[in-house]
Amino acid sequence: MSYEKVVQANQRIVGTKQTLKALEEQQVIELIIADDADHSVLAKVLAEAENQGVPIATVDSMKKLGKACGIDVSAAIVAIKK
């Protein structure tokens, strides 16, 4: 179901650095994280999302998440913007 959210989202951000920036600017309504991503890399983003009460959904595959975003590479995290 979360893959469908990513596909249908009007505005989304792919990648850790850009997601963190959007969180700091309070522009994110939900995060989608791949289970097979390195969670130590995502720790700062996850902490910020938790601070703000942003819902976090998980999907099973970075490769599928990247495909849902319409990119040819894997994606560890996607933020859906307000």
PDB file of N, CA and C in Angstrom:
ATOM      1  N   MET A   1       0.818  -1.189   0.000  1.00  0.00           N
ATOM      2  CA  MET A   1       0.000   0.000   0.000  1.00  0.00           C
ATOM      3  C   MET A   1       0.867   1.260   0.000  1.00  0.00           C
ATOM      4  N   SER A   2       1.974   1.254   0.697  1.00  0.00           N
ATOM      5  CA  SER A   2       2.821   2.442   0.761  1.00  0.00           C
ATOM      6  C   SER A   2       3.455   2.763  -0.588  1.00  0.00           C
ATOM      7  N   TYR A   3       3.715   1.720  -1.393  1.00  0.00           N
ATOM      8  CA  TYR A   3       4.240   1.973  -2.733  1.00  0.00           C
ATOM      9  C   TYR A   3       3.226   2.814  -3.518  1.00  0.00           C
ATOM     10  N   GLU A   4       1.949   2.478  -3.351  1.00  0.00           N
ATOM     11  CA  GLU A   4       0.885   3.216  -4.050  1.00  0.00           C
ATOM     12  C   GLU A   4       0.834   4.674  -3.586  1.00  0.00           C
ATOM     13  N   LYS A   5       1.042   4.899  -2.290  1.00  0.00           N
ATOM     14  CA  LYS A   5       1.078   6.266  -1.774  1.00  0.00           C
ATOM     15  C   LYS A   5       2.181   7.060  -2.460  1.00  0.00           C
ATOM     16  N   VAL A   6       3.327   6.438  -2.619  1.00  0.00           N
ATOM     17  CA  VAL A   6       4.468   7.105  -3.250  1.00  0.00           C
ATOM     18  C   VAL A   6       4.146   7.444  -4.694  1.00  0.00           C
ATOM     19  N   VAL A   7       3.570   6.493  -5.405  1.00  0.00           N
ATOM     20  CA  VAL A   7       3.222   6.709  -6.813  1.00  0.00           C
ATOM     21  C   VAL A   7       2.207   7.834  -6.951  1.00  0.00           C
ATOM     22  N   GLN A   8       1.232   7.881  -6.052  1.00  0.00           N
ATOM     23  CA  GLN A   8       0.140   8.853  -6.147  1.00  0.00           C
ATOM     24  C   GLN A   8       0.472  10.220  -5.560  1.00  0.00           C
ATOM     25  N   ALA A   9       1.557  10.330  -4.803  1.00  0.00           N
ATOM     26  CA  ALA A   9       1.902  11.596  -4.148  1.00  0.00           C
ATOM     27  C   ALA A   9       2.198  12.681  -5.177  1.00  0.00           C
ATOM     28  N   ASN A  10       1.626  13.854  -4.959  1.00  0.00           N
ATOM     29  CA  ASN A  10       1.872  14.984  -5.854  1.00  0.00           C
ATOM     30  C   ASN A  10       3.292  15.501  -5.708  1.00  0.00           C
ATOM     31  N   GLN A  11       3.761  15.587  -4.476  1.00  0.00           N
ATOM     32  CA  GLN A  11       5.109  16.062  -4.219  1.00  0.00           C
ATOM     33  C   GLN A  11       5.807  15.084  -3.304  1.00  0.00           C
ATOM     34  N   ARG A  12       6.975  14.625  -3.735  1.00  0.00           N
ATOM     35  CA  ARG A  12       7.750  13.700  -2.910  1.00  0.00           C
ATOM     36  C   ARG A  12       9.226  14.044  -3.014  1.00  0.00           C
ATOM     37  N   ILE A  13       9.944  13.652  -2.000  1.00  0.00           N
ATOM     38  CA  ILE A  13      11.373  13.894  -1.934  1.00  0.00           C
ATOM     39  C   ILE A  13      12.049  12.544  -1.757  1.00  0.00           C
ATOM     40  N   VAL A  14      13.089  12.312  -2.538  1.00  0.00           N
ATOM     41  CA  VAL A  14      13.818  11.056  -2.466  1.00  0.00           C
ATOM     42  C   VAL A  14      15.220  11.341  -1.938  1.00  0.00           C
ATOM     43  N   GLY A  15      15.638  10.565  -0.955  1.00  0.00           N
ATOM     44  CA  GLY A  15      16.995  10.695  -0.449  1.00  0.00           C
ATOM     45  C   GLY A  15      17.054  11.256   0.958  1.00  0.00           C
ATOM     46  N   THR A  16      18.093  10.868   1.663  1.00  0.00           N
ATOM     47  CA  THR A  16      18.237  11.200   3.069  1.00  0.00           C
ATOM     48  C   THR A  16      18.464  12.690   3.308  1.00  0.00           C
ATOM     49  N   LYS A  17      19.414  13.281   2.593  1.00  0.00           N
ATOM     50  CA  LYS A  17      19.746  14.698   2.835  1.00  0.00           C
ATOM     51  C   LYS A  17      18.575  15.617   2.525  1.00  0.00           C
ATOM     52  N   GLN A  18      17.934  15.400   1.397  1.00  0.00           N
ATOM     53  CA  GLN A  18      16.802  16.251   1.018  1.00  0.00           C
ATOM     54  C   GLN A  18      15.620  16.039   1.958  1.00  0.00           C
ATOM     55  N   THR A  19      15.420  14.810   2.407  1.00  0.00           N
ATOM     56  CA  THR A  19      14.339  14.518   3.342  1.00  0.00           C
ATOM     57  C   THR A  19      14.575  15.223   4.670  1.00  0.00           C
ATOM     58  N   LEU A  20      15.809  15.180   5.158  1.00  0.00           N
ATOM     59  CA  LEU A  20      16.133  15.853   6.412  1.00  0.00           C
ATOM     60  C   LEU A  20      15.889  17.359   6.291  1.00  0.00           C
ATOM     61  N   LYS A  21      16.288  17.938   5.186  1.00  0.00           N
ATOM     62  CA  LYS A  21      16.075  19.373   4.962  1.00  0.00           C
ATOM     63  C   LYS A  21      14.575  19.706   4.976  1.00  0.00           C
ATOM     64  N   ALA A  22      13.782  18.888   4.291  1.00  0.00           N
ATOM     65  CA  ALA A  22      12.332  19.113   4.250  1.00  0.00           C
ATOM     66  C   ALA A  22      11.708  18.951   5.638  1.00  0.00           C
ATOM     67  N   LEU A  23      12.203  17.998   6.421  1.00  0.00           N
ATOM     68  CA  LEU A  23      11.712  17.826   7.792  1.00  0.00           C
ATOM     69  C   LEU A  23      12.029  19.062   8.637  1.00  0.00           C
ATOM     70  N   GLU A  24      13.250  19.565   8.494  1.00  0.00           N
ATOM     71  CA  GLU A  24      13.645  20.747   9.258  1.00  0.00           C
ATOM     72  C   GLU A  24      12.781  21.959   8.895  1.00  0.00           C
ATOM     73  N   GLU A  25      12.294  21.989   7.651  1.00  0.00           N
ATOM     74  CA  GLU A  25      11.414  23.069   7.199  1.00  0.00           C
ATOM     75  C   GLU A  25       9.941  22.741   7.435  1.00  0.00           C
ATOM     76  N   GLN A  26       9.680  21.613   8.098  1.00  0.00           N
ATOM     77  CA  GLN A  26       8.334  21.141   8.443  1.00  0.00           C
ATOM     78  C   GLN A  26       7.419  21.051   7.230  1.00  0.00           C
ATOM     79  N   GLN A  27       7.922  20.434   6.167  1.00  0.00           N
ATOM     80  CA  GLN A  27       7.163  20.272   4.934  1.00  0.00           C
ATOM     81  C   GLN A  27       6.706  18.833   4.686  1.00  0.00           C
ATOM     82  N   VAL A  28       6.979  17.931   5.618  1.00  0.00           N
ATOM     83  CA  VAL A  28       6.730  16.508   5.394  1.00  0.00           C
ATOM     84  C   VAL A  28       5.493  16.041   6.155  1.00  0.00           C
ATOM     85  N   ILE A  29       4.628  15.287   5.447  1.00  0.00           N
ATOM     86  CA  ILE A  29       3.455  14.727   6.127  1.00  0.00           C
ATOM     87  C   ILE A  29       3.621  13.238   6.437  1.00  0.00           C
ATOM     88  N   GLU A  30       4.520  12.556   5.696  1.00  0.00           N
ATOM     89  CA  GLU A  30       4.751  11.132   5.951  1.00  0.00           C
ATOM     90  C   GLU A  30       6.076  10.701   5.350  1.00  0.00           C
ATOM     91  N   LEU A  31       6.724   9.736   6.009  1.00  0.00           N
ATOM     92  CA  LEU A  31       7.952   9.134   5.492  1.00  0.00           C
ATOM     93  C   LEU A  31       7.696   7.688   5.119  1.00  0.00           C
ATOM     94  N   ILE A  32       8.306   7.252   4.045  1.00  0.00           N
ATOM     95  CA  ILE A  32       8.269   5.853   3.641  1.00  0.00           C
ATOM     96  C   ILE A  32       9.724   5.365   3.642  1.00  0.00           C
ATOM     97  N   ILE A  33       9.989   4.304   4.395  1.00  0.00           N
ATOM     98  CA  ILE A  33      11.353   3.803   4.550  1.00  0.00           C
ATOM     99  C   ILE A  33      11.406   2.344   4.127  1.00  0.00           C
ATOM    100  N   ALA A  34      12.461   1.995   3.401  1.00  0.00           N
ATOM    101  CA  ALA A  34      12.661   0.611   2.979  1.00  0.00           C
ATOM    102  C   ALA A  34      13.278  -0.188   4.125  1.00  0.00           C
ATOM    103  N   ASP A  35      12.749  -1.376   4.379  1.00  0.00           N
ATOM    104  CA  ASP A  35      13.258  -2.244   5.444  1.00  0.00           C
ATOM    105  C   ASP A  35      14.706  -2.656   5.212  1.00  0.00           C
ATOM    106  N   ASP A  36      15.100  -2.782   3.941  1.00  0.00           N
ATOM    107  CA  ASP A  36      16.459  -3.232   3.655  1.00  0.00           C
ATOM    108  C   ASP A  36      17.469  -2.083   3.570  1.00  0.00           C
ATOM    109  N   ALA A  37      17.048  -0.886   3.973  1.00  0.00           N
ATOM    110  CA  ALA A  37      17.953   0.268   4.015  1.00  0.00           C
ATOM    111  C   ALA A  37      18.804   0.196   5.284  1.00  0.00           C
ATOM    112  N   ASP A  38      19.950   0.850   5.252  1.00  0.00           N
ATOM    113  CA  ASP A  38      20.837   0.924   6.414  1.00  0.00           C
ATOM    114  C   ASP A  38      20.259   1.952   7.388  1.00  0.00           C
ATOM    115  N   HIS A  39      19.664   1.467   8.447  1.00  0.00           N
ATOM    116  CA  HIS A  39      18.959   2.356   9.377  1.00  0.00           C
ATOM    117  C   HIS A  39      19.915   3.265  10.159  1.00  0.00           C
ATOM    118  N   SER A  40      21.193   2.909  10.237  1.00  0.00           N
ATOM    119  CA  SER A  40      22.139   3.802  10.912  1.00  0.00           C
ATOM    120  C   SER A  40      22.336   5.078  10.095  1.00  0.00           C
ATOM    121  N   VAL A  41      22.226   4.973   8.768  1.00  0.00           N
ATOM    122  CA  VAL A  41      22.333   6.135   7.892  1.00  0.00           C
ATOM    123  C   VAL A  41      21.098   7.022   8.046  1.00  0.00           C
ATOM    124  N   LEU A  42      19.966   6.411   8.315  1.00  0.00           N
ATOM    125  CA  LEU A  42      18.699   7.141   8.416  1.00  0.00           C
ATOM    126  C   LEU A  42      18.393   7.636   9.828  1.00  0.00           C
ATOM    127  N   ALA A  43      19.268   7.365  10.777  1.00  0.00           N
ATOM    128  CA  ALA A  43      18.991   7.638  12.185  1.00  0.00           C
ATOM    129  C   ALA A  43      18.615   9.096  12.443  1.00  0.00           C
ATOM    130  N   LYS A  44      19.343  10.037  11.864  1.00  0.00           N
ATOM    131  CA  LYS A  44      19.077  11.457  12.100  1.00  0.00           C
ATOM    132  C   LYS A  44      17.700  11.847  11.552  1.00  0.00           C
ATOM    133  N   VAL A  45      17.364  11.324  10.378  1.00  0.00           N
ATOM    134  CA  VAL A  45      16.069  11.608   9.769  1.00  0.00           C
ATOM    135  C   VAL A  45      14.948  11.012  10.619  1.00  0.00           C
ATOM    136  N   LEU A  46      15.134   9.785  11.056  1.00  0.00           N
ATOM    137  CA  LEU A  46      14.111   9.119  11.868  1.00  0.00           C
ATOM    138  C   LEU A  46      13.904   9.849  13.194  1.00  0.00           C
ATOM    139  N   ALA A  47      14.989  10.334  13.804  1.00  0.00           N
ATOM    140  CA  ALA A  47      14.883  11.071  15.059  1.00  0.00           C
ATOM    141  C   ALA A  47      14.105  12.372  14.861  1.00  0.00           C
ATOM    142  N   GLU A  48      14.388  13.075  13.784  1.00  0.00           N
ATOM    143  CA  GLU A  48      13.682  14.332  13.501  1.00  0.00           C
ATOM    144  C   GLU A  48      12.200  14.076  13.230  1.00  0.00           C
ATOM    145  N   ALA A  49      11.907  13.015  12.480  1.00  0.00           N
ATOM    146  CA  ALA A  49      10.512  12.670  12.184  1.00  0.00           C
ATOM    147  C   ALA A  49       9.764  12.333  13.473  1.00  0.00           C
ATOM    148  N   GLU A  50      10.423  11.600  14.348  1.00  0.00           N
ATOM    149  CA  GLU A  50       9.805  11.229  15.620  1.00  0.00           C
ATOM    150  C   GLU A  50       9.542  12.477  16.476  1.00  0.00           C
ATOM    151  N   ASN A  51      10.489  13.404  16.484  1.00  0.00           N
ATOM    152  CA  ASN A  51      10.325  14.663  17.217  1.00  0.00           C
ATOM    153  C   ASN A  51       9.094  15.423  16.757  1.00  0.00           C
ATOM    154  N   GLN A  52       8.862  15.405  15.457  1.00  0.00           N
ATOM    155  CA  GLN A  52       7.748  16.163  14.874  1.00  0.00           C
ATOM    156  C   GLN A  52       6.452  15.377  14.825  1.00  0.00           C
ATOM    157  N   GLY A  53       6.498  14.102  15.155  1.00  0.00           N
ATOM    158  CA  GLY A  53       5.299  13.274  15.097  1.00  0.00           C
ATOM    159  C   GLY A  53       4.882  12.921  13.683  1.00  0.00           C
ATOM    160  N   VAL A  54       5.845  12.887  12.768  1.00  0.00           N
ATOM    161  CA  VAL A  54       5.559  12.532  11.373  1.00  0.00           C
ATOM    162  C   VAL A  54       5.408  11.015  11.288  1.00  0.00           C
ATOM    163  N   PRO A  55       4.309  10.539  10.698  1.00  0.00           N
ATOM    164  CA  PRO A  55       4.123   9.092  10.567  1.00  0.00           C
ATOM    165  C   PRO A  55       5.191   8.469   9.666  1.00  0.00           C
ATOM    166  N   ILE A  56       5.616   7.257  10.039  1.00  0.00           N
ATOM    167  CA  ILE A  56       6.628   6.543   9.272  1.00  0.00           C
ATOM    168  C   ILE A  56       6.056   5.192   8.860  1.00  0.00           C
ATOM    169  N   ALA A  57       6.033   4.957   7.558  1.00  0.00           N
ATOM    170  CA  ALA A  57       5.584   3.664   7.027  1.00  0.00           C
ATOM    171  C   ALA A  57       6.802   2.940   6.471  1.00  0.00           C
ATOM    172  N   THR A  58       6.734   1.629   6.417  1.00  0.00           N
ATOM    173  CA  THR A  58       7.849   0.860   5.862  1.00  0.00           C
ATOM    174  C   THR A  58       7.385   0.033   4.677  1.00  0.00           C
ATOM    175  N   VAL A  59       8.322  -0.192   3.788  1.00  0.00           N
ATOM    176  CA  VAL A  59       8.124  -1.085   2.650  1.00  0.00           C
ATOM    177  C   VAL A  59       9.280  -2.072   2.657  1.00  0.00           C
ATOM    178  N   ASP A  60       9.169  -3.142   1.909  1.00  0.00           N
ATOM    179  CA  ASP A  60      10.173  -4.192   2.005  1.00  0.00           C
ATOM    180  C   ASP A  60      11.427  -3.993   1.154  1.00  0.00           C
ATOM    181  N   SER A  61      11.374  -3.168   0.117  1.00  0.00           N
ATOM    182  CA  SER A  61      12.480  -3.146  -0.828  1.00  0.00           C
ATOM    183  C   SER A  61      12.878  -1.748  -1.281  1.00  0.00           C
ATOM    184  N   MET A  62      14.170  -1.462  -1.195  1.00  0.00           N
ATOM    185  CA  MET A  62      14.701  -0.191  -1.699  1.00  0.00           C
ATOM    186  C   MET A  62      14.522  -0.106  -3.215  1.00  0.00           C
ATOM    187  N   LYS A  63      14.722  -1.225  -3.876  1.00  0.00           N
ATOM    188  CA  LYS A  63      14.614  -1.254  -5.340  1.00  0.00           C
ATOM    189  C   LYS A  63      13.188  -0.916  -5.779  1.00  0.00           C
ATOM    190  N   LYS A  64      12.197  -1.541  -5.141  1.00  0.00           N
ATOM    191  CA  LYS A  64      10.794  -1.272  -5.473  1.00  0.00           C
ATOM    192  C   LYS A  64      10.403   0.157  -5.128  1.00  0.00           C
ATOM    193  N   LEU A  65      10.966   0.676  -4.028  1.00  0.00           N
ATOM    194  CA  LEU A  65      10.663   2.056  -3.626  1.00  0.00           C
ATOM    195  C   LEU A  65      11.201   3.038  -4.661  1.00  0.00           C
ATOM    196  N   GLY A  66      12.403   2.785  -5.144  1.00  0.00           N
ATOM    197  CA  GLY A  66      12.962   3.620  -6.206  1.00  0.00           C
ATOM    198  C   GLY A  66      12.110   3.569  -7.460  1.00  0.00           C
ATOM    199  N   LYS A  67      11.666   2.378  -7.803  1.00  0.00           N
ATOM    200  CA  LYS A  67      10.817   2.211  -8.991  1.00  0.00           C
ATOM    201  C   LYS A  67       9.494   2.967  -8.826  1.00  0.00           C
ATOM    202  N   ALA A  68       8.926   2.922  -7.628  1.00  0.00           N
ATOM    203  CA  ALA A  68       7.671   3.642  -7.354  1.00  0.00           C
ATOM    204  C   ALA A  68       7.856   5.157  -7.506  1.00  0.00           C
ATOM    205  N   CYS A  69       9.082   5.621  -7.278  1.00  0.00           N
ATOM    206  CA  CYS A  69       9.388   7.049  -7.428  1.00  0.00           C
ATOM    207  C   CYS A  69       9.680   7.416  -8.879  1.00  0.00           C
ATOM    208  N   GLY A  70       9.785   6.406  -9.724  1.00  0.00           N
ATOM    209  CA  GLY A  70      10.069   6.665 -11.125  1.00  0.00           C
ATOM    210  C   GLY A  70      11.540   6.882 -11.409  1.00  0.00           C
ATOM    211  N   ILE A  71      12.414   6.355 -10.525  1.00  0.00           N
ATOM    212  CA  ILE A  71      13.852   6.464 -10.755  1.00  0.00           C
ATOM    213  C   ILE A  71      14.444   5.082 -10.983  1.00  0.00           C
ATOM    214  N   ASP A  72      15.609   5.051 -11.616  1.00  0.00           N
ATOM    215  CA  ASP A  72      16.236   3.782 -11.979  1.00  0.00           C
ATOM    216  C   ASP A  72      17.185   3.241 -10.919  1.00  0.00           C
ATOM    217  N   VAL A  73      17.242   3.882  -9.771  1.00  0.00           N
ATOM    218  CA  VAL A  73      18.113   3.422  -8.690  1.00  0.00           C
ATOM    219  C   VAL A  73      17.268   3.156  -7.444  1.00  0.00           C
ATOM    220  N   SER A  74      17.848   2.475  -6.495  1.00  0.00           N
ATOM    221  CA  SER A  74      17.150   2.179  -5.251  1.00  0.00           C
ATOM    222  C   SER A  74      16.970   3.446  -4.416  1.00  0.00           C
ATOM    223  N   ALA A  75      15.956   3.423  -3.567  1.00  0.00           N
ATOM    224  CA  ALA A  75      15.709   4.552  -2.664  1.00  0.00           C
ATOM    225  C   ALA A  75      15.505   4.009  -1.254  1.00  0.00           C
ATOM    226  N   ALA A  76      16.240   4.557  -0.302  1.00  0.00           N
ATOM    227  CA  ALA A  76      16.117   4.125   1.089  1.00  0.00           C
ATOM    228  C   ALA A  76      14.945   4.808   1.782  1.00  0.00           C
ATOM    229  N   ILE A  77      14.701   6.078   1.401  1.00  0.00           N
ATOM    230  CA  ILE A  77      13.678   6.862   2.086  1.00  0.00           C
ATOM    231  C   ILE A  77      13.011   7.825   1.105  1.00  0.00           C
ATOM    232  N   VAL A  78      11.702   7.990   1.289  1.00  0.00           N
ATOM    233  CA  VAL A  78      10.935   8.952   0.492  1.00  0.00           C
ATOM    234  C   VAL A  78      10.053   9.736   1.457  1.00  0.00           C
ATOM    235  N   ALA A  79      10.039  11.034   1.268  1.00  0.00           N
ATOM    236  CA  ALA A  79       9.177  11.900   2.071  1.00  0.00           C
ATOM    237  C   ALA A  79       8.037  12.392   1.199  1.00  0.00           C
ATOM    238  N   ILE A  80       6.843  12.338   1.728  1.00  0.00           N
ATOM    239  CA  ILE A  80       5.685  12.905   1.024  1.00  0.00           C
ATOM    240  C   ILE A  80       5.458  14.283   1.620  1.00  0.00           C
ATOM    241  N   LYS A  81       5.478  15.283   0.743  1.00  0.00           N
ATOM    242  CA  LYS A  81       5.370  16.680   1.190  1.00  0.00           C
ATOM    243  C   LYS A  81       3.930  17.113   1.354  1.00  0.00           C
ATOM    244  N   LYS A  82       3.768  18.149   2.162  1.00  0.00           N
ATOM    245  CA  LYS A  82       2.447  18.761   2.381  1.00  0.00           C
ATOM    246  C   LYS A  82       1.958  19.392   1.103  1.00  0.00           C
TER     247      LYS A  82
END
